[in-house]
């Protein structure tokens, strides 16, 4: 289960991407997360995903 607080979610996802997953697709597939929903949730807070850096910022 993902954190509900957007700032904690942002930190949690970036930690997972840094430590465990080579891409957002791999994270979403392994954790059974709806990628579009995750992107929309974080975009609403002003964050976007960088494939090049494999993190949200």
Protein backbone atom coordinates (compact mmCIF):
# COMPACT_ATOMS: atom_id res chain seq x y z
CA UNK A 1 0.00 0.00 0.00
CA UNK A 2 1.30 3.42 -0.96
CA UNK A 3 1.39 6.40 1.41
CA UNK A 4 -1.62 8.68 1.04
CA UNK A 5 0.15 11.93 1.88
CA UNK A 6 1.50 13.35 -1.41
CA UNK A 7 4.83 14.53 0.02
CA UNK A 8 5.46 11.18 1.72
CA UNK A 9 4.38 9.43 -1.48
CA UNK A 10 6.88 11.51 -3.46
CA UNK A 11 9.69 10.58 -1.06
CA UNK A 12 8.66 6.92 -0.88
CA UNK A 13 8.51 6.47 -4.68
CA UNK A 14 11.85 8.20 -5.24
CA UNK A 15 13.47 6.02 -2.56
CA UNK A 16 12.09 2.87 -4.23
CA UNK A 17 13.26 4.06 -7.66
CA UNK A 18 16.71 4.84 -6.31
CA UNK A 19 17.16 1.65 -4.30
CA UNK A 20 15.15 -1.07 -6.04
CA UNK A 21 13.74 -0.30 -9.48
CA UNK A 22 15.41 0.62 -12.77
CA UNK A 23 12.27 2.39 -14.03
CA UNK A 24 8.83 3.63 -13.05
CA UNK A 25 7.30 0.89 -15.20
CA UNK A 26 9.17 -1.79 -13.24
CA UNK A 27 8.05 -0.29 -9.93
CA UNK A 28 4.41 -0.07 -11.01
CA UNK A 29 4.38 -3.60 -12.36
CA UNK A 30 6.04 -5.13 -9.32
CA UNK A 31 4.02 -3.16 -6.75
CA UNK A 32 0.75 -3.43 -8.74
CA UNK A 33 0.41 0.36 -8.92
CA UNK A 34 -1.68 2.21 -11.51
CA UNK A 35 1.00 4.27 -13.28
CA UNK A 36 -1.41 6.85 -14.70
CA UNK A 37 -2.95 7.45 -11.27
CA UNK A 38 0.48 7.77 -9.66
CA UNK A 39 1.64 10.22 -12.32
CA UNK A 40 -1.55 12.27 -11.93
CA UNK A 41 -1.31 12.34 -8.14
CA UNK A 42 2.28 13.54 -8.17
CA UNK A 43 1.67 15.95 -11.06
CA UNK A 44 -1.07 17.60 -9.00
CA UNK A 45 1.66 18.41 -6.47
CA UNK A 46 3.93 19.80 -9.21
CA UNK A 47 6.19 16.77 -9.62
CA UNK A 48 7.04 15.10 -12.92
CA UNK A 49 8.91 11.90 -13.67
CA UNK A 50 12.30 12.01 -15.41
CA UNK A 51 13.11 8.77 -17.22
CA UNK A 52 16.69 9.95 -17.68
CA UNK A 53 17.19 10.35 -13.92
CA UNK A 54 14.65 7.71 -12.85
CA UNK A 55 13.06 9.99 -10.29
CA UNK A 56 10.33 12.53 -9.72
CA UNK A 57 11.20 16.19 -9.32
